[in-house]
Amino acid sequence: MSSAEAKLFAAFLSLRDDGYFAEREWACCHSCGVYELPSGTQRYVFYHSQDGEDLRNHNACYLSWGGDPELICRRLREAGLVVGWNGDRDKRIRVTERPAVSRSITPEILSAQSS
């Protein structure tokens, strides 16, 4: 399991505690995933098998969702993920792993940048 997958799993556990149906690799696509939700489900978050491939290969994927988008985005950020969503309730939420810091900023680097 990649770091991004582990962070997303942690976010899903938090969302389950909030009463959401939250699943990884749920169905083959978005349409089937929504169709296969348990009867009466209003609050859900999932990524399907095609998204799972993107997550494994690129550390990023889109999430299908229903419910409170602000809470969903907050839980994803709390798990250490970068969230991309434009506020449109008809759009999926994009998640990616935070880029790693490649080096520390030292006084030498700062003085070289200000010269």
C-alpha atoms as a PDB file:
ATOM      1  CA  MET A   1       0.000   0.000   0.000  1.00  0.00           C
ATOM      2  CA  SER A   2       1.451   3.364  -1.033  1.00  0.00           C
ATOM      3  CA  SER A   3       1.604   6.307   1.324  1.00  0.00           C
ATOM      4  CA  ALA A   4      -1.253   8.006  -0.556  1.00  0.00           C
ATOM      5  CA  GLU A   5      -3.384   4.856  -0.263  1.00  0.00           C
ATOM      6  CA  ALA A   6      -2.673   4.648   3.469  1.00  0.00           C
ATOM      7  CA  LYS A   7      -3.628   8.304   3.975  1.00  0.00           C
ATOM      8  CA  LEU A   8      -6.825   7.828   2.009  1.00  0.00           C
ATOM      9  CA  PHE A   9      -7.643   4.716   4.042  1.00  0.00           C
ATOM     10  CA  ALA A  10      -7.174   6.753   7.253  1.00  0.00           C
ATOM     11  CA  ALA A  11      -9.489   9.455   5.909  1.00  0.00           C
ATOM     12  CA  PHE A  12     -12.091   6.827   5.016  1.00  0.00           C
ATOM     13  CA  LEU A  13     -11.961   5.426   8.549  1.00  0.00           C
ATOM     14  CA  SER A  14     -12.651   8.924   9.919  1.00  0.00           C
ATOM     15  CA  LEU A  15     -15.514   9.377   7.477  1.00  0.00           C
ATOM     16  CA  ARG A  16     -16.979   6.040   8.535  1.00  0.00           C
ATOM     17  CA  ASP A  17     -16.897   7.324  12.123  1.00  0.00           C
ATOM     18  CA  ASP A  18     -18.870  10.319  10.796  1.00  0.00           C
ATOM     19  CA  GLY A  19     -21.521   7.959   9.404  1.00  0.00           C
ATOM     20  CA  TYR A  20     -20.352   7.783   5.800  1.00  0.00           C
ATOM     21  CA  PHE A  21     -20.238   4.767   3.556  1.00  0.00           C
ATOM     22  CA  ALA A  22     -16.548   4.944   2.557  1.00  0.00           C
ATOM     23  CA  GLU A  23     -14.956   2.265   0.398  1.00  0.00           C
ATOM     24  CA  ARG A  24     -11.835   1.676  -1.654  1.00  0.00           C
ATOM     25  CA  GLU A  25     -12.030   0.036  -5.094  1.00  0.00           C
ATOM     26  CA  TRP A  26     -15.848   0.166  -4.964  1.00  0.00           C
ATOM     27  CA  ALA A  27     -17.209  -1.158  -8.259  1.00  0.00           C
ATOM     28  CA  CYS A  28     -15.745  -0.759 -11.737  1.00  0.00           C
ATOM     29  CA  CYS A  29     -16.754   2.856 -12.434  1.00  0.00           C
ATOM     30  CA  HIS A  30     -18.588   5.847 -10.967  1.00  0.00           C
ATOM     31  CA  SER A  31     -22.012   4.927 -12.393  1.00  0.00           C
ATOM     32  CA  CYS A  32     -21.869   1.342 -11.176  1.00  0.00           C
ATOM     33  CA  GLY A  33     -20.510   2.476  -7.816  1.00  0.00           C
ATOM     34  CA  VAL A  34     -23.443   4.826  -7.213  1.00  0.00           C
ATOM     35  CA  TYR A  35     -25.898   2.184  -8.433  1.00  0.00           C
ATOM     36  CA  GLU A  36     -24.425  -0.436  -6.079  1.00  0.00           C
ATOM     37  CA  LEU A  37     -24.589   1.720  -2.932  1.00  0.00           C
ATOM     38  CA  PRO A  38     -26.612   0.152  -0.141  1.00  0.00           C
ATOM     39  CA  SER A  39     -30.268   1.181  -0.302  1.00  0.00           C
ATOM     40  CA  GLY A  40     -30.940   4.521   1.354  1.00  0.00           C
ATOM     41  CA  THR A  41     -27.291   5.641   1.423  1.00  0.00           C
ATOM     42  CA  GLN A  42     -27.096   9.442   1.324  1.00  0.00           C
ATOM     43  CA  ARG A  43     -23.562  10.046   2.614  1.00  0.00           C
ATOM     44  CA  TYR A  44     -20.821   8.227   0.777  1.00  0.00           C
ATOM     45  CA  VAL A  45     -17.270   8.490  -0.508  1.00  0.00           C
ATOM     46  CA  PHE A  46     -15.554   5.955  -2.728  1.00  0.00           C
ATOM     47  CA  TYR A  47     -13.098   5.459  -5.504  1.00  0.00           C
ATOM     48  CA  HIS A  48     -13.641   2.775  -8.096  1.00  0.00           C
ATOM     49  CA  SER A  49     -11.183   0.307  -9.585  1.00  0.00           C
ATOM     50  CA  GLN A  50     -10.149   2.660 -12.425  1.00  0.00           C
ATOM     51  CA  ASP A  51      -9.400   5.385  -9.860  1.00  0.00           C
ATOM     52  CA  GLY A  52      -7.495   2.835  -7.776  1.00  0.00           C
ATOM     53  CA  GLU A  53      -5.174   2.292 -10.720  1.00  0.00           C
ATOM     54  CA  ASP A  54      -4.488   6.046 -10.889  1.00  0.00           C
ATOM     55  CA  LEU A  55      -3.873   6.115  -7.146  1.00  0.00           C
ATOM     56  CA  ARG A  56      -1.323   3.301  -7.359  1.00  0.00           C
ATOM     57  CA  ASN A  57       0.410   4.678 -10.462  1.00  0.00           C
ATOM     58  CA  HIS A  58       0.259   8.432  -9.814  1.00  0.00           C
ATOM     59  CA  ASN A  59      -0.556   8.881  -6.089  1.00  0.00           C
ATOM     60  CA  ALA A  60      -3.689  10.766  -7.112  1.00  0.00           C
ATOM     61  CA  CYS A  61      -7.306   9.941  -7.897  1.00  0.00           C
ATOM     62  CA  TYR A  62     -10.842  11.283  -7.989  1.00  0.00           C
ATOM     63  CA  LEU A  63     -13.471  10.423  -5.389  1.00  0.00           C
ATOM     64  CA  SER A  64     -17.178   9.968  -5.904  1.00  0.00           C
ATOM     65  CA  TRP A  65     -19.134  11.452  -3.043  1.00  0.00           C
ATOM     66  CA  GLY A  66     -22.486  12.431  -1.605  1.00  0.00           C
ATOM     67  CA  GLY A  67     -23.103  14.370   1.601  1.00  0.00           C
ATOM     68  CA  ASP A  68     -21.216  17.293   3.118  1.00  0.00           C
ATOM     69  CA  PRO A  69     -18.300  18.180   0.835  1.00  0.00           C
ATOM     70  CA  GLU A  70     -16.669  20.451   3.402  1.00  0.00           C
ATOM     71  CA  LEU A  71     -16.521  17.640   5.968  1.00  0.00           C
ATOM     72  CA  ILE A  72     -15.211  15.202   3.376  1.00  0.00           C
ATOM     73  CA  CYS A  73     -12.481  17.629   2.276  1.00  0.00           C
ATOM     74  CA  ARG A  74     -11.564  18.383   5.901  1.00  0.00           C
ATOM     75  CA  ARG A  75     -11.127  14.677   6.734  1.00  0.00           C
ATOM     76  CA  LEU A  76      -8.991  14.174   3.620  1.00  0.00           C
ATOM     77  CA  ARG A  77      -6.743  17.119   4.567  1.00  0.00           C
ATOM     78  CA  GLU A  78      -6.493  15.912   8.162  1.00  0.00           C
ATOM     79  CA  ALA A  79      -5.146  12.625   6.782  1.00  0.00           C
ATOM     80  CA  GLY A  80      -2.387  14.539   4.978  1.00  0.00           C
ATOM     81  CA  LEU A  81      -3.806  14.642   1.461  1.00  0.00           C
ATOM     82  CA  VAL A  82      -3.982  17.584  -0.929  1.00  0.00           C
ATOM     83  CA  VAL A  83      -7.587  18.161  -1.976  1.00  0.00           C
ATOM     84  CA  GLY A  84      -8.735  19.687  -5.240  1.00  0.00           C
ATOM     85  CA  TRP A  85     -12.398  20.592  -5.547  1.00  0.00           C
ATOM     86  CA  ASN A  86     -13.919  23.667  -7.165  1.00  0.00           C
ATOM     87  CA  GLY A  87     -17.069  23.789  -5.041  1.00  0.00           C
ATOM     88  CA  ASP A  88     -19.304  22.325  -7.750  1.00  0.00           C
ATOM     89  CA  ARG A  89     -21.509  19.655  -6.153  1.00  0.00           C
ATOM     90  CA  ASP A  90     -21.616  17.832  -9.515  1.00  0.00           C
ATOM     91  CA  LYS A  91     -17.816  17.409  -9.660  1.00  0.00           C
ATOM     92  CA  ARG A  92     -15.721  14.694  -8.086  1.00  0.00           C
ATOM     93  CA  ILE A  93     -13.100  15.533  -5.457  1.00  0.00           C
ATOM     94  CA  ARG A  94      -9.466  15.042  -6.479  1.00  0.00           C
ATOM     95  CA  VAL A  95      -6.907  13.895  -3.919  1.00  0.00           C
ATOM     96  CA  THR A  96      -3.173  13.611  -4.160  1.00  0.00           C
ATOM     97  CA  GLU A  97      -0.330  13.138  -1.744  1.00  0.00           C
ATOM     98  CA  ARG A  98       1.533  16.170  -0.518  1.00  0.00           C
ATOM     99  CA  PRO A  99       4.811  16.537  -2.354  1.00  0.00           C
ATOM    100  CA  ALA A 100       7.798  15.643  -0.230  1.00  0.00           C
ATOM    101  CA  VAL A 101      10.191  18.416   0.696  1.00  0.00           C
ATOM    102  CA  SER A 102      13.388  17.601  -1.138  1.00  0.00           C
ATOM    103  CA  ARG A 103      15.769  19.593   1.017  1.00  0.00           C
ATOM    104  CA  SER A 104      15.925  21.748   4.105  1.00  0.00           C
ATOM    105  CA  ILE A 105      16.175  25.497   3.804  1.00  0.00           C
ATOM    106  CA  THR A 106      19.394  26.549   5.471  1.00  0.00           C
ATOM    107  CA  PRO A 107      20.757  30.043   6.160  1.00  0.00           C
ATOM    108  CA  GLU A 108      23.164  29.511   3.244  1.00  0.00           C
ATOM    109  CA  ILE A 109      20.292  28.873   0.843  1.00  0.00           C
ATOM    110  CA  LEU A 110      18.397  31.907   2.098  1.00  0.00           C
ATOM    111  CA  SER A 111      21.398  34.211   1.739  1.00  0.00           C
ATOM    112  CA  ALA A 112      22.112  32.859  -1.763  1.00  0.00           C
ATOM    113  CA  GLN A 113      18.492  33.550  -2.791  1.00  0.00           C
ATOM    114  CA  SER A 114      18.542  37.120  -1.493  1.00  0.00           C
ATOM    115  CA  SER A 115      21.803  38.027  -3.283  1.00  0.00           C
END
